[in-house]
Amino acid sequence: MNSIFTYLRETRGELKHVSWPTVRQTYIFTVLVIVISIVTSLYLGFFDYLFSQFLERFILR
């Protein structure tokens, strides 16, 4: 049980050394992740559509 408290105490001490992002940086990174996720989903969706059309026209007929 003592080792758990030691671990928590050391973890708390290490978290004081972390350089936390500002509110503005957090906002910018969040928007960036959302935009990249949307662009990636559109990219993958486009190629999924192309491949499904290819399969439908040439293989499934």
Protein backbone atom coordinates (compact mmCIF):
# COMPACT_ATOMS: atom_id res chain seq x y z
CA MET A 1 0.00 0.00 0.00
CA ASN A 2 2.91 2.32 0.72
CA SER A 3 4.21 1.84 -2.83
CA ILE A 4 0.94 3.16 -4.26
CA PHE A 5 1.27 6.38 -2.27
CA THR A 6 4.90 6.71 -3.30
CA TYR A 7 3.95 6.25 -6.92
CA LEU A 8 1.20 8.89 -6.69
CA ARG A 9 3.50 11.35 -4.94
CA GLU A 10 6.23 10.90 -7.57
CA THR A 11 3.69 11.20 -10.40
CA ARG A 12 2.38 14.44 -8.95
CA GLY A 13 5.93 15.77 -8.75
CA GLU A 14 6.60 14.85 -12.39
CA LEU A 15 3.41 16.56 -13.55
CA LYS A 16 4.75 19.85 -12.16
CA HIS A 17 7.56 19.64 -14.75
CA VAL A 18 5.16 19.26 -17.69
CA SER A 19 4.87 22.23 -20.04
CA TRP A 20 1.10 22.46 -20.50
CA PRO A 21 -0.32 24.12 -23.65
CA THR A 22 -2.11 27.43 -23.38
CA VAL A 23 -5.85 27.73 -23.95
CA ARG A 24 -5.18 29.19 -27.42
CA GLN A 25 -2.83 26.34 -28.36
CA THR A 26 -5.38 23.81 -27.17
CA TYR A 27 -8.08 25.46 -29.29
CA ILE A 28 -5.84 25.55 -32.38
CA PHE A 29 -4.75 21.91 -31.97
CA THR A 30 -8.35 20.80 -31.50
CA VAL A 31 -9.48 22.58 -34.66
CA LEU A 32 -6.49 21.15 -36.53
CA VAL A 33 -7.35 17.59 -35.47
CA ILE A 34 -10.98 18.06 -36.54
CA VAL A 35 -9.99 19.48 -39.94
CA ILE A 36 -7.45 16.73 -40.59
CA SER A 37 -10.02 14.10 -39.60
CA ILE A 38 -12.59 15.53 -42.01
CA VAL A 39 -10.08 15.77 -44.88
CA THR A 40 -8.91 12.20 -44.25
CA SER A 41 -12.46 10.85 -44.17
CA LEU A 42 -13.29 12.63 -47.45
CA TYR A 43 -10.12 11.25 -49.04
CA LEU A 44 -10.83 7.69 -47.92
CA GLY A 45 -14.52 7.99 -48.81
CA PHE A 46 -13.63 9.16 -52.32
CA PHE A 47 -11.36 6.18 -52.95
CA ASP A 48 -13.90 3.81 -51.41
CA TYR A 49 -16.48 5.15 -53.85
CA LEU A 50 -14.09 4.73 -56.79
CA PHE A 51 -13.17 1.16 -55.84
CA SER A 52 -16.78 0.17 -55.27
CA GLN A 53 -17.72 1.59 -58.70
CA PHE A 54 -14.83 -0.33 -60.25
CA LEU A 55 -15.93 -3.56 -58.61
CA GLU A 56 -19.54 -3.01 -59.59
CA ARG A 57 -18.73 -2.33 -63.26
CA PHE A 58 -16.02 -4.86 -64.01
CA ILE A 59 -16.12 -7.66 -61.46
CA LEU A 60 -19.70 -8.01 -60.29
CA ARG A 61 -21.27 -7.96 -63.77
